[in-house]
Protein backbone atom coordinates (compact mmCIF):
# COMPACT_ATOMS: atom_id res chain seq x y z
CA MET A 1 -47.94 119.71 -187.70
CA THR A 2 -48.51 118.91 -191.37
CA THR A 3 -48.91 121.43 -194.18
CA ASP A 4 -52.71 121.25 -193.92
CA GLY A 5 -52.58 122.21 -190.25
CA THR A 6 -53.39 118.80 -188.79
CA SER A 7 -51.35 117.34 -185.97
CA THR A 8 -48.79 114.59 -186.67
CA ALA A 9 -48.97 113.22 -183.11
CA PRO A 10 -51.75 110.67 -183.79
CA ALA A 11 -49.94 109.49 -186.93
CA LEU A 12 -46.69 109.14 -184.99
CA ALA A 13 -48.44 107.12 -182.28
CA ARG A 14 -50.10 104.87 -184.82
CA GLY A 15 -46.83 104.31 -186.66
CA THR A 16 -44.94 103.51 -183.47
CA ASP A 17 -47.64 101.18 -182.17
CA GLY A 18 -47.83 99.44 -185.54
CA ARG A 19 -44.08 98.85 -185.68
CA LEU A 20 -43.95 97.59 -182.10
CA GLY A 21 -46.88 95.30 -182.76
CA ALA A 22 -45.19 93.97 -185.90
CA VAL A 23 -41.97 93.32 -183.97
CA GLY A 24 -44.02 91.37 -181.44
CA LEU A 25 -45.51 89.30 -184.26
CA VAL A 26 -42.01 88.51 -185.58
CA LEU A 27 -40.73 87.47 -182.16
CA GLY A 28 -43.80 85.32 -181.53
CA GLY A 29 -43.32 83.63 -184.88
CA ALA A 30 -39.62 83.05 -184.17
CA LEU A 31 -40.38 81.44 -180.82
CA SER A 32 -42.96 79.18 -182.41
CA VAL A 33 -40.86 78.07 -185.38
CA GLN A 34 -37.70 77.32 -183.38
CA PHE A 35 -39.55 75.22 -180.80
CA GLY A 36 -41.28 73.57 -183.74
CA SER A 37 -37.85 72.71 -185.16
CA ALA A 38 -37.00 71.05 -181.85
CA VAL A 39 -40.18 68.96 -182.15
CA ALA A 40 -39.12 68.04 -185.69
CA ALA A 41 -35.83 66.68 -184.36
CA LEU A 42 -37.86 64.39 -182.10
CA LEU A 43 -39.70 63.11 -185.18
CA PHE A 44 -36.59 62.28 -187.21
CA PRO A 45 -35.97 58.85 -185.61
CA HIS A 46 -39.54 57.80 -186.46
CA THR A 47 -40.10 59.33 -189.90
CA GLY A 48 -36.77 60.49 -191.25
CA VAL A 49 -36.20 64.06 -192.43
CA ALA A 50 -38.37 63.77 -195.55
CA GLY A 51 -41.24 62.35 -193.52
CA ALA A 52 -41.06 65.16 -190.97
CA VAL A 53 -41.09 67.78 -193.72
CA THR A 54 -44.05 66.08 -195.37
CA LEU A 55 -46.07 65.96 -192.15
CA ARG A 56 -45.28 69.58 -191.34
CA LEU A 57 -46.28 70.95 -194.74
CA ALA A 58 -49.17 68.59 -195.55
CA ILE A 59 -50.94 68.97 -192.19
CA GLY A 60 -50.16 72.70 -192.15
CA ALA A 61 -51.66 73.10 -195.62
CA LEU A 62 -54.82 71.18 -194.69
CA LEU A 63 -55.31 73.30 -191.56
CA MET A 64 -54.74 76.58 -193.40
CA LEU A 65 -57.02 75.64 -196.31
CA ALA A 66 -59.77 74.60 -193.88
CA VAL A 67 -59.53 77.88 -191.93
CA CYS A 68 -58.99 80.32 -194.82
CA ARG A 69 -60.99 78.60 -197.59
CA PRO A 70 -59.26 80.75 -200.22
CA ARG A 71 -61.01 81.51 -203.48
CA LEU A 72 -59.35 80.05 -206.56
CA ARG A 73 -61.00 82.34 -209.10
CA GLY A 74 -60.50 86.01 -209.76
CA HIS A 75 -56.70 86.07 -209.50
CA ALA A 76 -54.31 87.18 -212.20
CA ARG A 77 -51.58 84.98 -213.63
CA ALA A 78 -48.95 87.01 -211.76
CA ASP A 79 -50.74 86.18 -208.49
CA TRP A 80 -50.41 82.45 -209.17
CA VAL A 81 -46.77 82.82 -210.17
CA ALA A 82 -46.13 84.52 -206.82
CA VAL A 83 -47.95 81.71 -204.96
CA VAL A 84 -45.99 78.96 -206.74
CA ALA A 85 -42.69 80.74 -206.08
CA PHE A 86 -43.67 81.13 -202.42
CA GLY A 87 -44.60 77.44 -202.20
CA LEU A 88 -41.33 76.31 -203.78
CA SER A 89 -39.32 78.49 -201.40
CA LEU A 90 -41.23 76.98 -198.46
CA ALA A 91 -40.59 73.44 -199.65
CA GLY A 92 -36.89 74.08 -200.27
CA MET A 93 -36.29 76.00 -197.06
CA ASN A 94 -37.90 73.36 -194.86
CA SER A 95 -36.37 70.34 -196.61
CA VAL A 96 -32.81 71.66 -196.65
CA PHE A 97 -32.92 73.05 -193.11
CA TYR A 98 -34.21 69.79 -191.64
CA GLN A 99 -31.38 67.99 -193.40
CA ALA A 100 -29.01 70.43 -191.66
CA ILE A 101 -30.38 70.01 -188.12
CA GLU A 102 -30.18 66.26 -188.50
CA ARG A 103 -26.40 66.76 -188.68
CA ILE A 104 -25.60 69.77 -186.47
CA PRO A 105 -27.17 71.30 -183.30
CA LEU A 106 -30.16 73.58 -183.70
CA GLY A 107 -28.53 76.79 -182.38
CA PRO A 108 -25.49 76.80 -184.71
CA ALA A 109 -27.68 75.67 -187.64
CA VAL A 110 -29.95 78.70 -187.28
CA THR A 111 -26.93 80.96 -186.78
CA LEU A 112 -25.63 79.89 -190.20
CA GLU A 113 -29.08 79.95 -191.78
CA VAL A 114 -29.82 83.47 -190.61
CA LEU A 115 -27.02 84.84 -192.81
CA GLY A 116 -29.50 84.62 -195.70
CA PRO A 117 -31.98 87.12 -194.22
CA LEU A 118 -29.10 89.28 -192.96
CA ALA A 119 -27.59 89.44 -196.46
CA LEU A 120 -31.02 90.38 -197.80
CA SER A 121 -31.26 93.21 -195.27
CA VAL A 122 -27.88 94.58 -196.35
CA VAL A 123 -28.82 94.50 -200.04
CA THR A 124 -32.18 96.17 -199.49
CA ALA A 125 -30.93 98.76 -196.97
CA ARG A 126 -28.00 99.90 -199.15
CA ARG A 127 -26.34 101.77 -196.31
CA PRO A 128 -22.63 101.61 -195.47
CA ALA A 129 -23.42 100.98 -191.80
CA ALA A 130 -25.38 97.87 -192.78
CA TRP A 131 -22.23 96.39 -194.32
CA CYS A 132 -20.37 96.92 -191.03
CA TRP A 133 -23.04 95.02 -189.12
CA ALA A 134 -22.94 92.26 -191.75
CA ALA A 135 -19.17 92.00 -191.20
CA LEU A 136 -19.83 91.57 -187.47
CA ALA A 137 -22.26 88.76 -188.25
CA LEU A 138 -19.68 87.08 -190.48
CA GLY A 139 -17.19 87.37 -187.64
CA GLY A 140 -19.68 85.55 -185.42
CA VAL A 141 -20.00 82.77 -187.98
CA ALA A 142 -16.21 82.48 -188.27
CA LEU A 143 -16.00 82.26 -184.49
CA LEU A 144 -18.68 79.59 -184.56
CA GLY A 145 -16.43 77.47 -186.72
CA GLN A 146 -13.30 77.98 -184.62
CA GLY A 147 -11.99 74.83 -183.10
CA GLY A 148 -13.03 73.02 -186.26
CA PHE A 149 -16.20 72.87 -188.28
CA GLU A 150 -15.87 69.13 -187.93
CA ARG A 151 -17.85 69.39 -184.68
CA LEU A 152 -20.63 70.97 -186.68
CA ASN A 153 -20.22 68.60 -189.65
CA PRO A 154 -19.28 70.44 -192.88
CA VAL A 155 -22.21 69.01 -194.83
CA GLY A 156 -24.65 70.15 -192.16
CA ALA A 157 -23.09 73.63 -192.09
CA GLY A 158 -23.30 73.88 -195.88
CA LEU A 159 -26.93 72.81 -195.87
CA ALA A 160 -27.71 75.45 -193.24
CA LEU A 161 -26.20 78.12 -195.52
CA VAL A 162 -28.29 76.89 -198.46
CA ALA A 163 -31.37 77.00 -196.23
CA GLY A 164 -30.45 80.61 -195.45
CA ALA A 165 -30.59 81.49 -199.15
CA MET A 166 -34.00 79.82 -199.36
CA TRP A 167 -35.07 81.78 -196.26
CA ALA A 168 -34.22 85.06 -197.99
CA ALA A 169 -36.30 83.95 -200.98
CA TYR A 170 -39.15 83.05 -198.60
CA ILE A 171 -39.13 86.59 -197.13
CA VAL A 172 -39.31 88.24 -200.55
CA CYS A 173 -42.03 85.86 -201.80
CA SER A 174 -44.05 86.18 -198.58
CA ALA A 175 -44.10 89.96 -198.87
CA ARG A 176 -45.28 89.76 -202.50
CA VAL A 177 -48.00 87.21 -201.80
CA GLY A 178 -49.18 89.19 -198.77
CA GLY A 179 -49.72 92.19 -201.03
CA ARG A 180 -51.64 90.22 -203.65
CA PHE A 181 -53.98 88.09 -201.53
CA PRO A 182 -56.26 89.08 -198.62
CA ARG A 183 -55.77 87.73 -195.12
CA ALA A 184 -53.71 84.52 -195.20
CA ASP A 185 -55.24 83.15 -198.41
CA GLY A 186 -51.97 83.31 -200.33
CA LEU A 187 -50.13 81.53 -197.53
CA ALA A 188 -52.70 78.70 -197.52
CA LEU A 189 -52.31 78.22 -201.26
CA ALA A 190 -48.50 78.37 -201.05
CA LEU A 191 -48.46 75.74 -198.30
CA ALA A 192 -50.60 73.52 -200.54
CA VAL A 193 -48.01 73.91 -203.33
CA ALA A 194 -45.18 73.07 -200.90
CA ALA A 195 -47.08 70.03 -199.61
CA LEU A 196 -47.65 68.71 -203.14
CA VAL A 197 -43.93 69.08 -203.91
CA THR A 198 -42.72 67.25 -200.79
CA LEU A 199 -45.49 64.64 -200.38
CA PRO A 200 -44.18 62.08 -202.92
CA ILE A 201 -40.67 62.18 -201.40
CA GLY A 202 -42.04 61.74 -197.87
CA LEU A 203 -44.28 58.83 -198.85
CA VAL A 204 -41.42 57.00 -200.61
CA ASP A 205 -38.99 57.63 -197.75
CA SER A 206 -41.26 56.96 -194.75
CA GLY A 207 -44.21 54.97 -196.07
CA SER A 208 -46.66 53.62 -193.48
CA ARG A 209 -44.69 55.11 -190.58
CA LEU A 210 -46.40 58.43 -191.29
CA TRP A 211 -49.81 57.03 -190.29
CA HIS A 212 -48.86 55.93 -186.77
CA PRO A 213 -51.11 57.81 -184.27
CA ALA A 214 -48.18 59.08 -182.16
CA VAL A 215 -46.36 60.25 -185.28
CA LEU A 216 -49.47 62.02 -186.57
CA GLY A 217 -49.87 63.72 -183.17
CA LEU A 218 -46.30 65.01 -183.23
CA GLY A 219 -46.73 65.97 -186.87
CA THR A 220 -49.82 68.03 -186.07
CA GLY A 221 -47.96 69.82 -183.28
CA LEU A 222 -45.07 70.42 -185.65
CA ALA A 223 -47.37 71.82 -188.34
CA LEU A 224 -48.99 74.24 -185.87
CA LEU A 225 -45.74 75.37 -184.22
CA ALA A 226 -43.47 75.48 -187.25
CA SER A 227 -45.82 76.38 -190.13
CA VAL A 228 -49.33 77.62 -189.39
CA LEU A 229 -48.65 79.96 -186.47
CA PRO A 230 -45.26 81.46 -187.43
CA TYR A 231 -46.02 81.92 -191.12
CA THR A 232 -49.33 83.63 -190.32
CA LEU A 233 -47.65 85.96 -187.82
CA GLU A 234 -44.80 86.73 -190.23
CA LEU A 235 -47.20 87.45 -193.08
CA ALA A 236 -49.03 89.95 -190.87
CA ALA A 237 -45.72 91.52 -189.78
CA LEU A 238 -44.52 91.93 -193.37
CA ARG A 239 -47.59 94.05 -194.06
CA ARG A 240 -46.39 96.53 -191.40
CA LEU A 241 -42.58 96.37 -191.60
CA PRO A 242 -40.08 97.04 -194.40
CA THR A 243 -38.52 93.88 -195.79
CA ALA A 244 -35.04 94.92 -194.57
CA THR A 245 -36.25 95.38 -191.00
CA PHE A 246 -38.08 92.07 -191.03
CA ALA A 247 -35.04 90.28 -192.44
CA VAL A 248 -32.66 91.41 -189.72
CA LEU A 249 -35.18 90.69 -186.97
CA MET A 250 -34.96 87.10 -188.16
CA SER A 251 -31.36 87.17 -186.91
CA LEU A 252 -32.68 86.85 -183.37
CA GLY A 253 -33.49 83.25 -184.30
CA PRO A 254 -30.13 81.76 -183.20
CA ALA A 255 -30.68 82.63 -179.54
CA ILE A 256 -34.23 81.27 -179.61
CA ALA A 257 -33.05 78.15 -181.42
CA ALA A 258 -30.26 77.58 -178.89
CA LEU A 259 -32.81 77.92 -176.07
CA ALA A 260 -35.19 75.47 -177.78
CA GLY A 261 -32.37 73.01 -178.46
CA TRP A 262 -31.32 73.14 -174.80
CA LEU A 263 -34.82 72.85 -173.31
CA VAL A 264 -36.30 70.26 -175.70
CA LEU A 265 -33.31 68.32 -177.02
CA GLY A 266 -30.71 68.76 -174.26
CA GLN A 267 -28.21 70.28 -176.72
CA GLU A 268 -25.55 72.25 -174.84
CA LEU A 269 -23.42 74.91 -176.52
CA GLU A 270 -19.73 75.63 -176.01
CA PRO A 271 -18.88 79.10 -174.60
CA MET A 272 -17.34 80.10 -177.94
CA GLU A 273 -20.56 79.19 -179.74
CA ILE A 274 -22.59 81.29 -177.30
CA VAL A 275 -20.34 84.29 -178.01
CA ALA A 276 -20.67 83.69 -181.76
CA ILE A 277 -24.45 83.58 -181.59
CA GLY A 278 -24.38 86.77 -179.51
CA LEU A 279 -22.37 88.54 -182.24
CA VAL A 280 -24.96 87.60 -184.87
CA ILE A 281 -27.75 88.89 -182.63
CA ALA A 282 -25.88 92.15 -182.01
CA ALA A 283 -25.40 92.51 -185.76
CA SER A 284 -29.12 92.07 -186.33
CA VAL A 285 -30.03 94.75 -183.80
CA GLY A 286 -27.45 97.14 -185.25
CA ALA A 287 -28.63 96.51 -188.79
CA VAL A 288 -32.22 97.35 -187.81
CA ARG A 289 -31.11 100.67 -186.33
CA ALA A 290 -28.79 101.48 -189.24
CA GLY A 291 -31.25 100.53 -191.93
CA ASN A 292 -34.27 102.34 -190.51
CA PRO A 293 -33.41 105.79 -189.11
CA ALA A 294 -36.26 107.56 -187.35
CA ALA A 295 -38.24 109.87 -189.57
CA ALA A 296 -38.59 113.49 -188.60
CA PRO A 297 -41.97 114.21 -187.01
CA ALA A 298 -42.79 116.76 -189.67
CA ASP A 299 -42.43 114.13 -192.38
CA ILE A 300 -44.62 111.47 -190.83
CA GLY A 301 -47.96 112.64 -192.17
CA ALA A 302 -46.64 112.84 -195.74
CA SER A 303 -44.83 109.52 -195.53
CA GLU A 304 -47.94 107.74 -194.33
CA LEU A 305 -49.89 109.16 -197.26
CA VAL A 306 -47.20 107.97 -199.67
CA SER A 307 -47.19 104.50 -198.08
CA GLU A 308 -50.94 104.23 -198.41
CA ALA A 309 -50.89 105.46 -202.01
CA ALA A 310 -48.10 103.08 -202.96
CA GLY A 311 -49.67 100.07 -201.27
CA PRO A 312 -51.11 97.21 -203.32
CA PRO A 313 -54.75 97.45 -204.40
CA PRO A 314 -57.26 95.30 -202.56
CA ALA A 315 -57.27 91.74 -203.84
CA PRO A 316 -60.41 90.77 -205.79
CA ARG A 317 -62.92 88.78 -203.77
C-alpha cells in the first residue's frame, strides 16, 4: 500500500511483467544475432570479412530506413551526436568481431567479447558482489585459454576483446539514442551512419562479388538476423531494463554462439572450453542478481513515479 492509500500490487505485477518481457527480448535478440554470425561465417569465403560487414550494415540500414522512415528535422545537435556515436560503435563492433571469428571459433570468440558488457555491468552496478562475479568470468576466460591460446589464435582472441569494448560502447550509445528518438528511428539513422563508414572498405575489398544473387540473398538473411531483428529487440529492452542488467544478460551469448557454431558451422568445442563458457554464463546470472536486488513492495509505487519523472521527454515529431 502506498502513502496515498492505493495498492502496490498492480504496480508490482506491471514491473515484473515488464522485466520478464524485456529479458525475453534480450534472449530473442541474442539468438538472432549469434545465428546471424554463423551465417556471416558462411559468407566470408565469397565476400571476405569487409564484404560481409558491408552487406550486413548496408542492407540492414536500407530495411530499417524503409520501415521507420525517420524524420530528419526537429532534432537537437546532441541527438545527432548520439546517433553518430551509435553508428560508429556499430561499425567498429561488427568489423572487429567479424575479423575475430574469421580466426577463432564462434563460441570462444563471443566468450571473450562478452567481457566488455560484463565489465560495463560491474562499473555501473558498483557493488562488491559484482566484482566477485567478474572475477569468476575472468577465471572462465583464463580456463578458455588453457592448453594454449594458439588454438584460438592470439590475434583473433585480441580482436574479440577489442570487439567487447566496442560492444560496451554500443550498449551505452543504444540506451542514449533510445531515449532521444521515438520507436526505432534512432537505430535506423545509426545503421545508415555505420553503413556509410563501412561501404567504401567493402566495395574496395570485395568489388563485384557483392552483387552476386546468392551473395545478396545470404547478405539479406544476415542483415535481418544479425542487425535488424536483434538491434530492434535490444533497443526495446533497454527502454525497460537498467543498463547494468542488460549488459550482464549479454553474457549468455557464449552458449548461444557455441550452439550456433555447432549447428551451422560444425564447430565442436573441447570439454575445457565448455566449462569455461559455463563459468562466464554463471557469472552473468550472478551479476544480474547482485546488481539488481528486489525492491521492497512498499517502495514500488514511489520508485515507478521517480522512473517516470526521470525518463526522457518525448522526442519531437
